[in-house]
Amino acid sequence: MQTPYVRRIVWIGGLASLVFSIVLHLSMLWEVPPLNMALWDGSFLTINMGWATFLGLGLEWLIGCLLCLAFAELWAPNVRGSYAFKGSTFGVLWWGFMMIFGFPLLGLASPLSRNGLAPYPGLFALGEGPATPILFLLAMIGFGLVAGFFLEQGSHIWGPFHWHLS
């Protein structure tokens, strides 16, 4: 792969992951406890809650980059439609995978659940609360829309900025 392409994937993955995290944390506006995916991810590296969240943010970014790469290489070229359609369907499909396989396996493997520091999320992450699947769906659609939009723009959006004076 070419370096500018990898650089774009890294930036878009980071931006899409940021949108994902922001949407999950907006849940506090509805008085729903936020789903701290960074803490869940980082708990595989350390049980210290502060460090787990910090390291989990890096893992979240890495996962976002890998998802953007999968979107750019596997999904977008094989699906017809606008960036919004491609991005939202990618988000919905990833949401479905996480709800059926990801969260139940995460709960079984995570030191947080095994040590009683967090509830077992289970199928559709309902152990985290009834609003969790909806919030995660919105977060994944947001991730997909951001990834789809910026990947659809091509490399010209990431090129050098030039002032155009009339």
N, C-alpha and C. Protein backbone atom coordinates (compact mmCIF):
# COMPACT_ATOMS: atom_id res chain seq x y z
N MET A 1 0.84 -1.18 0.00
CA MET A 1 0.00 0.00 0.00
C MET A 1 0.88 1.24 0.00
N GLN A 2 0.36 2.28 -0.60
CA GLN A 2 1.10 3.53 -0.67
C GLN A 2 0.98 4.30 0.64
N THR A 3 2.01 5.05 0.98
CA THR A 3 2.04 5.80 2.23
C THR A 3 0.90 6.81 2.35
N PRO A 4 0.60 7.62 1.30
CA PRO A 4 -0.51 8.56 1.45
C PRO A 4 -1.84 7.84 1.72
N TYR A 5 -2.04 6.67 1.14
CA TYR A 5 -3.27 5.91 1.36
C TYR A 5 -3.36 5.45 2.82
N VAL A 6 -2.25 4.95 3.35
CA VAL A 6 -2.22 4.50 4.74
C VAL A 6 -2.46 5.69 5.66
N ARG A 7 -1.85 6.82 5.35
CA ARG A 7 -2.03 8.03 6.15
C ARG A 7 -3.50 8.45 6.17
N ARG A 8 -4.16 8.37 5.02
CA ARG A 8 -5.60 8.70 4.96
C ARG A 8 -6.42 7.76 5.83
N ILE A 9 -6.12 6.46 5.75
CA ILE A 9 -6.85 5.48 6.54
C ILE A 9 -6.67 5.75 8.02
N VAL A 10 -5.44 6.10 8.43
CA VAL A 10 -5.16 6.38 9.84
C VAL A 10 -5.96 7.61 10.30
N TRP A 11 -5.95 8.68 9.51
CA TRP A 11 -6.70 9.89 9.88
C TRP A 11 -8.20 9.64 9.89
N ILE A 12 -8.71 8.99 8.88
CA ILE A 12 -10.15 8.73 8.81
C ILE A 12 -10.56 7.77 9.92
N GLY A 13 -9.76 6.75 10.18
CA GLY A 13 -10.06 5.83 11.27
C GLY A 13 -10.11 6.53 12.61
N GLY A 14 -9.17 7.45 12.83
CA GLY A 14 -9.17 8.22 14.07
C GLY A 14 -10.37 9.13 14.19
N LEU A 15 -10.71 9.80 13.11
CA LEU A 15 -11.87 10.70 13.12
C LEU A 15 -13.17 9.93 13.32
N ALA A 16 -13.31 8.82 12.61
CA ALA A 16 -14.53 8.01 12.75
C ALA A 16 -14.63 7.42 14.16
N SER A 17 -13.49 7.03 14.74
CA SER A 17 -13.49 6.51 16.11
C SER A 17 -13.86 7.60 17.10
N LEU A 18 -13.41 8.81 16.86
CA LEU A 18 -13.77 9.93 17.72
C LEU A 18 -15.27 10.18 17.69
N VAL A 19 -15.86 10.16 16.49
CA VAL A 19 -17.32 10.33 16.37
C VAL A 19 -18.03 9.20 17.11
N PHE A 20 -17.55 7.98 16.95
CA PHE A 20 -18.11 6.82 17.64
C PHE A 20 -18.12 7.05 19.15
N SER A 21 -16.98 7.48 19.70
CA SER A 21 -16.88 7.71 21.15
C SER A 21 -17.77 8.85 21.62
N ILE A 22 -17.82 9.91 20.85
CA ILE A 22 -18.66 11.05 21.23
C ILE A 22 -20.12 10.65 21.28
N VAL A 23 -20.58 9.90 20.29
CA VAL A 23 -21.99 9.47 20.28
C VAL A 23 -22.26 8.59 21.50
N LEU A 24 -21.36 7.67 21.82
CA LEU A 24 -21.57 6.82 23.00
C LEU A 24 -21.64 7.64 24.28
N HIS A 25 -20.82 8.69 24.38
CA HIS A 25 -20.81 9.49 25.59
C HIS A 25 -21.92 10.53 25.63
N LEU A 26 -22.58 10.78 24.51
CA LEU A 26 -23.74 11.67 24.53
C LEU A 26 -24.92 11.02 25.24
N SER A 27 -24.78 9.75 25.53
CA SER A 27 -25.85 9.03 26.23
C SER A 27 -26.14 9.67 27.59
N MET A 28 -25.17 10.36 28.15
CA MET A 28 -25.39 11.01 29.44
C MET A 28 -26.47 12.08 29.35
N LEU A 29 -26.71 12.62 28.15
CA LEU A 29 -27.78 13.60 27.99
C LEU A 29 -29.15 12.98 28.26
N TRP A 30 -29.25 11.67 28.04
CA TRP A 30 -30.49 10.96 28.30
C TRP A 30 -30.46 10.26 29.65
N GLU A 31 -29.50 10.63 30.49
CA GLU A 31 -29.32 10.07 31.82
C GLU A 31 -29.12 8.55 31.77
N VAL A 32 -28.41 8.11 30.74
CA VAL A 32 -28.05 6.70 30.59
C VAL A 32 -26.55 6.62 30.82
N PRO A 33 -26.09 5.66 31.62
CA PRO A 33 -24.64 5.54 31.81
C PRO A 33 -23.94 5.28 30.48
N PRO A 34 -22.83 5.97 30.22
CA PRO A 34 -22.14 5.77 28.94
C PRO A 34 -21.50 4.39 28.86
N LEU A 35 -21.46 3.86 27.68
CA LEU A 35 -20.77 2.60 27.42
C LEU A 35 -19.32 2.97 27.11
N ASN A 36 -18.44 2.70 28.04
CA ASN A 36 -17.03 3.08 27.90
C ASN A 36 -16.28 1.95 27.19
N MET A 37 -16.31 1.96 25.87
CA MET A 37 -15.65 0.92 25.09
C MET A 37 -14.14 0.96 25.27
N ALA A 38 -13.58 2.14 25.49
CA ALA A 38 -12.13 2.23 25.71
C ALA A 38 -11.74 1.46 26.97
N LEU A 39 -12.53 1.56 28.03
CA LEU A 39 -12.25 0.82 29.25
C LEU A 39 -12.35 -0.68 29.01
N TRP A 40 -13.40 -1.10 28.30
CA TRP A 40 -13.55 -2.53 28.00
C TRP A 40 -12.37 -3.04 27.19
N ASP A 41 -11.98 -2.30 26.16
CA ASP A 41 -10.87 -2.72 25.31
C ASP A 41 -9.56 -2.75 26.09
N GLY A 42 -9.30 -1.72 26.86
CA GLY A 42 -8.05 -1.61 27.60
C GLY A 42 -7.94 -2.59 28.75
N SER A 43 -9.08 -3.11 29.22
CA SER A 43 -9.03 -4.05 30.35
C SER A 43 -8.34 -5.35 29.98
N PHE A 44 -8.17 -5.61 28.68
CA PHE A 44 -7.42 -6.80 28.28
C PHE A 44 -5.93 -6.61 28.49
N LEU A 45 -5.49 -5.36 28.64
CA LEU A 45 -4.07 -5.07 28.84
C LEU A 45 -3.72 -4.82 30.30
N THR A 46 -4.65 -4.23 31.06
CA THR A 46 -4.42 -3.96 32.48
C THR A 46 -5.77 -3.85 33.18
N ILE A 47 -5.79 -4.16 34.46
CA ILE A 47 -7.02 -4.06 35.24
C ILE A 47 -7.12 -2.69 35.92
N ASN A 48 -6.06 -1.88 35.88
CA ASN A 48 -6.07 -0.53 36.42
C ASN A 48 -7.01 0.30 35.55
N MET A 49 -8.08 0.82 36.14
CA MET A 49 -9.13 1.49 35.36
C MET A 49 -8.63 2.70 34.57
N GLY A 50 -7.77 3.50 35.17
CA GLY A 50 -7.23 4.67 34.47
C GLY A 50 -6.38 4.29 33.28
N TRP A 51 -5.45 3.37 33.51
CA TRP A 51 -4.59 2.93 32.42
C TRP A 51 -5.38 2.16 31.37
N ALA A 52 -6.36 1.38 31.81
CA ALA A 52 -7.16 0.61 30.86
C ALA A 52 -7.89 1.55 29.90
N THR A 53 -8.44 2.64 30.43
CA THR A 53 -9.14 3.60 29.57
C THR A 53 -8.15 4.27 28.61
N PHE A 54 -7.00 4.67 29.12
CA PHE A 54 -5.99 5.31 28.28
C PHE A 54 -5.52 4.38 27.17
N LEU A 55 -5.14 3.16 27.52
CA LEU A 55 -4.68 2.20 26.53
C LEU A 55 -5.82 1.77 25.60
N GLY A 56 -7.02 1.72 26.14
CA GLY A 56 -8.18 1.36 25.34
C GLY A 56 -8.48 2.38 24.25
N LEU A 57 -8.19 3.64 24.51
CA LEU A 57 -8.37 4.66 23.47
C LEU A 57 -7.47 4.37 22.27
N GLY A 58 -6.25 3.95 22.55
CA GLY A 58 -5.34 3.56 21.47
C GLY A 58 -5.85 2.34 20.71
N LEU A 59 -6.36 1.37 21.46
CA LEU A 59 -6.93 0.19 20.81
C LEU A 59 -8.17 0.54 19.99
N GLU A 60 -8.97 1.45 20.51
CA GLU A 60 -10.17 1.89 19.80
C GLU A 60 -9.78 2.55 18.47
N TRP A 61 -8.74 3.38 18.51
CA TRP A 61 -8.25 4.02 17.29
C TRP A 61 -7.74 2.98 16.31
N LEU A 62 -6.99 1.99 16.81
CA LEU A 62 -6.46 0.94 15.95
C LEU A 62 -7.60 0.13 15.31
N ILE A 63 -8.59 -0.21 16.11
CA ILE A 63 -9.75 -0.94 15.58
C ILE A 63 -10.47 -0.09 14.55
N GLY A 64 -10.59 1.21 14.81
CA GLY A 64 -11.22 2.12 13.85
C GLY A 64 -10.45 2.16 12.53
N CYS A 65 -9.13 2.16 12.61
CA CYS A 65 -8.31 2.14 11.38
C CYS A 65 -8.52 0.84 10.61
N LEU A 66 -8.55 -0.27 11.33
CA LEU A 66 -8.77 -1.56 10.66
C LEU A 66 -10.17 -1.64 10.04
N LEU A 67 -11.16 -1.09 10.73
CA LEU A 67 -12.51 -1.06 10.17
C LEU A 67 -12.57 -0.17 8.93
N CYS A 68 -11.87 0.97 8.97
CA CYS A 68 -11.83 1.85 7.79
C CYS A 68 -11.14 1.16 6.62
N LEU A 69 -10.09 0.43 6.91
CA LEU A 69 -9.40 -0.31 5.86
C LEU A 69 -10.32 -1.37 5.27
N ALA A 70 -11.05 -2.09 6.11
CA ALA A 70 -12.01 -3.08 5.61
C ALA A 70 -13.12 -2.41 4.80
N PHE A 71 -13.56 -1.26 5.26
CA PHE A 71 -14.59 -0.51 4.54
C PHE A 71 -14.07 -0.10 3.16
N ALA A 72 -12.85 0.46 3.12
CA ALA A 72 -12.30 0.97 1.87
C ALA A 72 -11.96 -0.14 0.89
N GLU A 73 -11.46 -1.26 1.38
CA GLU A 73 -10.99 -2.32 0.50
C GLU A 73 -12.04 -3.37 0.18
N LEU A 74 -12.91 -3.67 1.12
CA LEU A 74 -13.85 -4.78 0.93
C LEU A 74 -15.29 -4.33 0.72
N TRP A 75 -15.73 -3.36 1.50
CA TRP A 75 -17.14 -3.00 1.47
C TRP A 75 -17.48 -2.01 0.36
N ALA A 76 -16.84 -0.84 0.38
CA ALA A 76 -17.20 0.24 -0.56
C ALA A 76 -17.09 -0.16 -2.03
N PRO A 77 -16.05 -0.89 -2.46
CA PRO A 77 -15.98 -1.23 -3.87
C PRO A 77 -17.05 -2.22 -4.33
N ASN A 78 -17.65 -2.95 -3.40
CA ASN A 78 -18.60 -4.00 -3.77
C ASN A 78 -20.05 -3.65 -3.48
N VAL A 79 -20.30 -2.46 -2.97
CA VAL A 79 -21.67 -2.05 -2.64
C VAL A 79 -21.99 -0.81 -3.46
N ARG A 80 -23.13 -0.83 -4.10
CA ARG A 80 -23.55 0.33 -4.89
C ARG A 80 -24.35 1.28 -4.01
N GLY A 81 -24.20 2.55 -4.32
CA GLY A 81 -24.96 3.56 -3.60
C GLY A 81 -24.09 4.71 -3.17
N SER A 82 -24.70 5.63 -2.48
CA SER A 82 -23.99 6.83 -2.01
C SER A 82 -23.11 6.47 -0.82
N TYR A 83 -22.25 7.42 -0.44
CA TYR A 83 -21.41 7.20 0.73
C TYR A 83 -22.27 7.00 1.97
N ALA A 84 -23.42 7.71 2.04
CA ALA A 84 -24.30 7.58 3.20
C ALA A 84 -24.88 6.18 3.29
N PHE A 85 -25.29 5.63 2.17
CA PHE A 85 -25.83 4.27 2.16
C PHE A 85 -24.75 3.25 2.52
N LYS A 86 -23.59 3.39 1.88
CA LYS A 86 -22.49 2.45 2.15
C LYS A 86 -22.06 2.53 3.62
N GLY A 87 -21.91 3.75 4.12
CA GLY A 87 -21.45 3.93 5.50
C GLY A 87 -22.46 3.45 6.52
N SER A 88 -23.73 3.79 6.31
CA SER A 88 -24.73 3.39 7.30
C SER A 88 -24.97 1.88 7.28
N THR A 89 -24.96 1.26 6.10
CA THR A 89 -25.14 -0.20 6.07
C THR A 89 -23.93 -0.91 6.68
N PHE A 90 -22.74 -0.38 6.45
CA PHE A 90 -21.54 -0.94 7.08
C PHE A 90 -21.68 -0.85 8.60
N GLY A 91 -22.11 0.30 9.09
CA GLY A 91 -22.30 0.49 10.53
C GLY A 91 -23.35 -0.45 11.10
N VAL A 92 -24.46 -0.62 10.39
CA VAL A 92 -25.53 -1.49 10.87
C VAL A 92 -25.06 -2.95 10.90
N LEU A 93 -24.35 -3.38 9.88
CA LEU A 93 -23.86 -4.75 9.86
C LEU A 93 -22.82 -5.00 10.96
N TRP A 94 -21.92 -4.05 11.17
CA TRP A 94 -20.94 -4.21 12.24
C TRP A 94 -21.65 -4.20 13.59
N TRP A 95 -22.68 -3.37 13.75
CA TRP A 95 -23.49 -3.34 14.97
C TRP A 95 -24.10 -4.72 15.21
N GLY A 96 -24.70 -5.31 14.17
CA GLY A 96 -25.30 -6.63 14.32
C GLY A 96 -24.28 -7.69 14.75
N PHE A 97 -23.11 -7.64 14.15
CA PHE A 97 -22.04 -8.58 14.53
C PHE A 97 -21.68 -8.40 16.00
N MET A 98 -21.51 -7.15 16.42
CA MET A 98 -21.13 -6.88 17.81
C MET A 98 -22.24 -7.28 18.78
N MET A 99 -23.49 -7.07 18.41
CA MET A 99 -24.59 -7.39 19.31
C MET A 99 -24.75 -8.90 19.50
N ILE A 100 -24.53 -9.67 18.44
CA ILE A 100 -24.76 -11.12 18.50
C ILE A 100 -23.51 -11.88 18.95
N PHE A 101 -22.34 -11.46 18.48
CA PHE A 101 -21.11 -12.19 18.80
C PHE A 101 -20.16 -11.39 19.69
N GLY A 102 -19.95 -10.12 19.37
CA GLY A 102 -18.92 -9.32 20.02
C GLY A 102 -19.13 -9.12 21.51
N PHE A 103 -20.29 -8.62 21.90
CA PHE A 103 -20.51 -8.34 23.32
C PHE A 103 -20.60 -9.59 24.18
N PRO A 104 -21.28 -10.65 23.72
CA PRO A 104 -21.24 -11.87 24.55
C PRO A 104 -19.82 -12.41 24.74
N LEU A 105 -19.01 -12.39 23.67
CA LEU A 105 -17.63 -12.87 23.81
C LEU A 105 -16.79 -11.91 24.64
N LEU A 106 -17.02 -10.62 24.48
CA LEU A 106 -16.30 -9.62 25.27
C LEU A 106 -16.56 -9.84 26.76
N GLY A 107 -17.80 -10.09 27.10
CA GLY A 107 -18.15 -10.31 28.49
C GLY A 107 -17.52 -11.56 29.06
N LEU A 108 -17.43 -12.61 28.24
CA LEU A 108 -16.81 -13.85 28.71
C LEU A 108 -15.30 -13.70 28.90
N ALA A 109 -14.66 -12.94 28.03
CA ALA A 109 -13.20 -12.84 28.06
C ALA A 109 -12.68 -11.69 28.90
N SER A 110 -13.48 -10.67 29.12
CA SER A 110 -12.99 -9.45 29.77
C SER A 110 -12.71 -9.65 31.26
N PRO A 111 -11.57 -9.15 31.72
CA PRO A 111 -11.29 -9.17 33.15
C PRO A 111 -12.28 -8.32 33.95
N LEU A 112 -12.89 -7.33 33.33
CA LEU A 112 -13.87 -6.50 34.03
C LEU A 112 -15.05 -7.34 34.49
N SER A 113 -15.60 -8.15 33.60
CA SER A 113 -16.73 -9.00 33.96
C SER A 113 -16.32 -10.12 34.90
N ARG A 114 -15.18 -10.73 34.61
CA ARG A 114 -14.73 -11.86 35.43
C ARG A 114 -14.43 -11.46 36.86
N ASN A 115 -13.97 -10.22 37.07
CA ASN A 115 -13.63 -9.74 38.42
C ASN A 115 -14.76 -8.95 39.07
N GLY A 116 -15.91 -8.91 38.44
CA GLY A 116 -17.06 -8.22 39.03
C GLY A 116 -16.98 -6.71 38.98
N LEU A 117 -16.11 -6.15 38.14
CA LEU A 117 -15.98 -4.69 38.04
C LEU A 117 -16.97 -4.07 37.06
N ALA A 118 -17.58 -4.89 36.23
CA ALA A 118 -18.57 -4.41 35.26
C ALA A 118 -19.55 -5.56 35.01
N PRO A 119 -20.77 -5.21 34.66
CA PRO A 119 -21.74 -6.28 34.39
C PRO A 119 -21.41 -7.02 33.10
N TYR A 120 -21.85 -8.25 33.02
CA TYR A 120 -21.69 -9.03 31.79
C TYR A 120 -22.62 -8.44 30.74
N PRO A 121 -22.09 -7.95 29.60
CA PRO A 121 -22.97 -7.27 28.65
C PRO A 121 -23.97 -8.20 27.97
N GLY A 122 -23.56 -9.40 27.62
CA GLY A 122 -24.47 -10.38 27.04
C GLY A 122 -24.95 -10.03 25.64
N LEU A 123 -25.94 -10.78 25.19
CA LEU A 123 -26.53 -10.60 23.87
C LEU A 123 -27.15 -9.21 23.76
N PHE A 124 -26.86 -8.51 22.70
CA PHE A 124 -27.30 -7.15 22.45
C PHE A 124 -26.88 -6.17 23.55
N ALA A 125 -25.88 -6.55 24.33
CA ALA A 125 -25.31 -5.70 25.39
C ALA A 125 -26.36 -5.23 26.37
N LEU A 126 -27.40 -6.01 26.56
CA LEU A 126 -28.49 -5.60 27.44
C LEU A 126 -28.08 -5.58 28.91
N GLY A 127 -26.98 -6.26 29.25
CA GLY A 127 -26.47 -6.19 30.61
C GLY A 127 -25.98 -4.80 30.98
N GLU A 128 -25.68 -3.99 29.97
CA GLU A 128 -25.25 -2.61 30.18
C GLU A 128 -26.43 -1.65 30.25
N GLY A 129 -27.63 -2.14 29.99
CA GLY A 129 -28.83 -1.32 30.05
C GLY A 129 -29.61 -1.41 28.75
N PRO A 130 -30.91 -1.14 28.82
CA PRO A 130 -31.76 -1.31 27.63
C PRO A 130 -31.48 -0.31 26.51
N ALA A 131 -30.88 0.83 26.82
CA ALA A 131 -30.59 1.83 25.78
C ALA A 131 -29.28 1.54 25.06
N THR A 132 -28.46 0.65 25.58
CA THR A 132 -27.13 0.40 25.02
C THR A 132 -27.17 -0.03 23.55
N PRO A 133 -28.04 -0.98 23.16
CA PRO A 133 -28.04 -1.37 21.74
C PRO A 133 -28.39 -0.21 20.81
N ILE A 134 -29.28 0.65 21.23
CA ILE A 134 -29.68 1.80 20.40
C ILE A 134 -28.53 2.79 20.29
N LEU A 135 -27.89 3.09 21.41
CA LEU A 135 -26.76 4.02 21.40
C LEU A 135 -25.60 3.47 20.57
N PHE A 136 -25.34 2.17 20.71
CA PHE A 136 -24.26 1.57 19.94
C PHE A 136 -24.60 1.60 18.45
N LEU A 137 -25.86 1.40 18.11
CA LEU A 137 -26.29 1.48 16.70
C LEU A 137 -26.05 2.89 16.16
N LEU A 138 -26.44 3.90 16.91
CA LEU A 138 -26.22 5.29 16.47
C LEU A 138 -24.73 5.58 16.33
N ALA A 139 -23.93 5.08 17.27
CA ALA A 139 -22.48 5.30 17.22
C ALA A 139 -21.87 4.62 16.00
N MET A 140 -22.32 3.41 15.69
CA MET A 140 -21.76 2.70 14.54
C MET A 140 -22.22 3.32 13.22
N ILE A 141 -23.44 3.82 13.17
CA ILE A 141 -23.88 4.52 11.96
C ILE A 141 -23.06 5.80 11.79
N GLY A 142 -22.82 6.52 12.89
CA GLY A 142 -21.97 7.71 12.83
C GLY A 142 -20.57 7.37 12.34
N PHE A 143 -20.01 6.29 12.85
CA PHE A 143 -18.69 5.83 12.39
C PHE A 143 -18.72 5.57 10.89
N GLY A 144 -19.72 4.82 10.43
CA GLY A 144 -19.80 4.49 9.01
C GLY A 144 -20.00 5.69 8.12
N LEU A 145 -20.82 6.65 8.57
CA LEU A 145 -21.05 7.85 7.76
C LEU A 145 -19.78 8.69 7.63
N VAL A 146 -19.05 8.83 8.71
CA VAL A 146 -17.80 9.60 8.65
C VAL A 146 -16.79 8.88 7.76
N ALA A 147 -16.63 7.58 7.96
CA ALA A 147 -15.69 6.82 7.13
C ALA A 147 -16.10 6.88 5.67
N GLY A 148 -17.38 6.68 5.39
CA GLY A 148 -17.85 6.71 4.01
C GLY A 148 -17.65 8.07 3.36
N PHE A 149 -17.98 9.13 4.08
CA PHE A 149 -17.85 10.48 3.52
C PHE A 149 -16.41 10.79 3.16
N PHE A 150 -15.49 10.60 4.11
CA PHE A 150 -14.11 10.99 3.86
C PHE A 150 -13.40 10.05 2.89
N LEU A 151 -13.74 8.78 2.90
CA LEU A 151 -13.14 7.89 1.92
C LEU A 151 -13.68 8.16 0.52
N GLU A 152 -14.92 8.58 0.42
CA GLU A 152 -15.53 8.90 -0.87
C GLU A 152 -14.92 10.16 -1.48
N GLN A 153 -14.43 11.06 -0.64
CA GLN A 153 -13.89 12.33 -1.12
C GLN A 153 -12.60 12.15 -1.91
N GLY A 154 -11.93 11.04 -1.73
CA GLY A 154 -10.67 10.83 -2.45
C GLY A 154 -9.53 11.57 -1.79
N SER A 155 -8.40 11.52 -2.44
CA SER A 155 -7.18 12.07 -1.84
C SER A 155 -7.13 13.60 -1.90
N HIS A 156 -7.95 14.24 -2.74
CA HIS A 156 -7.85 15.70 -2.85
C HIS A 156 -8.20 16.41 -1.55
N ILE A 157 -9.02 15.80 -0.70
CA ILE A 157 -9.37 16.45 0.55
C ILE A 157 -8.20 16.46 1.53
N TRP A 158 -7.23 15.56 1.35
CA TRP A 158 -6.10 15.46 2.25
C TRP A 158 -4.85 16.11 1.69
N GLY A 159 -4.95 16.68 0.51
CA GLY A 159 -3.79 17.32 -0.09
C GLY A 159 -3.47 18.64 0.60
N PRO A 160 -2.42 19.31 0.15
CA PRO A 160 -2.06 20.59 0.78
C PRO A 160 -3.13 21.65 0.52
N PHE A 161 -3.31 22.51 1.50
CA PHE A 161 -4.31 23.57 1.39
C PHE A 161 -3.68 24.78 0.71
N HIS A 162 -4.38 25.33 -0.24
CA HIS A 162 -3.91 26.53 -0.94
C HIS A 162 -4.99 27.60 -0.88
N TRP A 163 -4.58 28.83 -0.56
CA TRP A 163 -5.51 29.94 -0.55
C TRP A 163 -5.78 30.35 -1.99
N HIS A 164 -7.02 30.59 -2.29
CA HIS A 164 -7.40 31.09 -3.60
C HIS A 164 -7.98 32.49 -3.42
N LEU A 165 -7.24 33.49 -3.88
CA LEU A 165 -7.70 34.87 -3.75
C LEU A 165 -8.30 35.31 -5.09
N SER A 166 -9.43 35.94 -5.01
CA SER A 166 -10.09 36.40 -6.24
C SER A 166 -9.52 37.69 -6.72
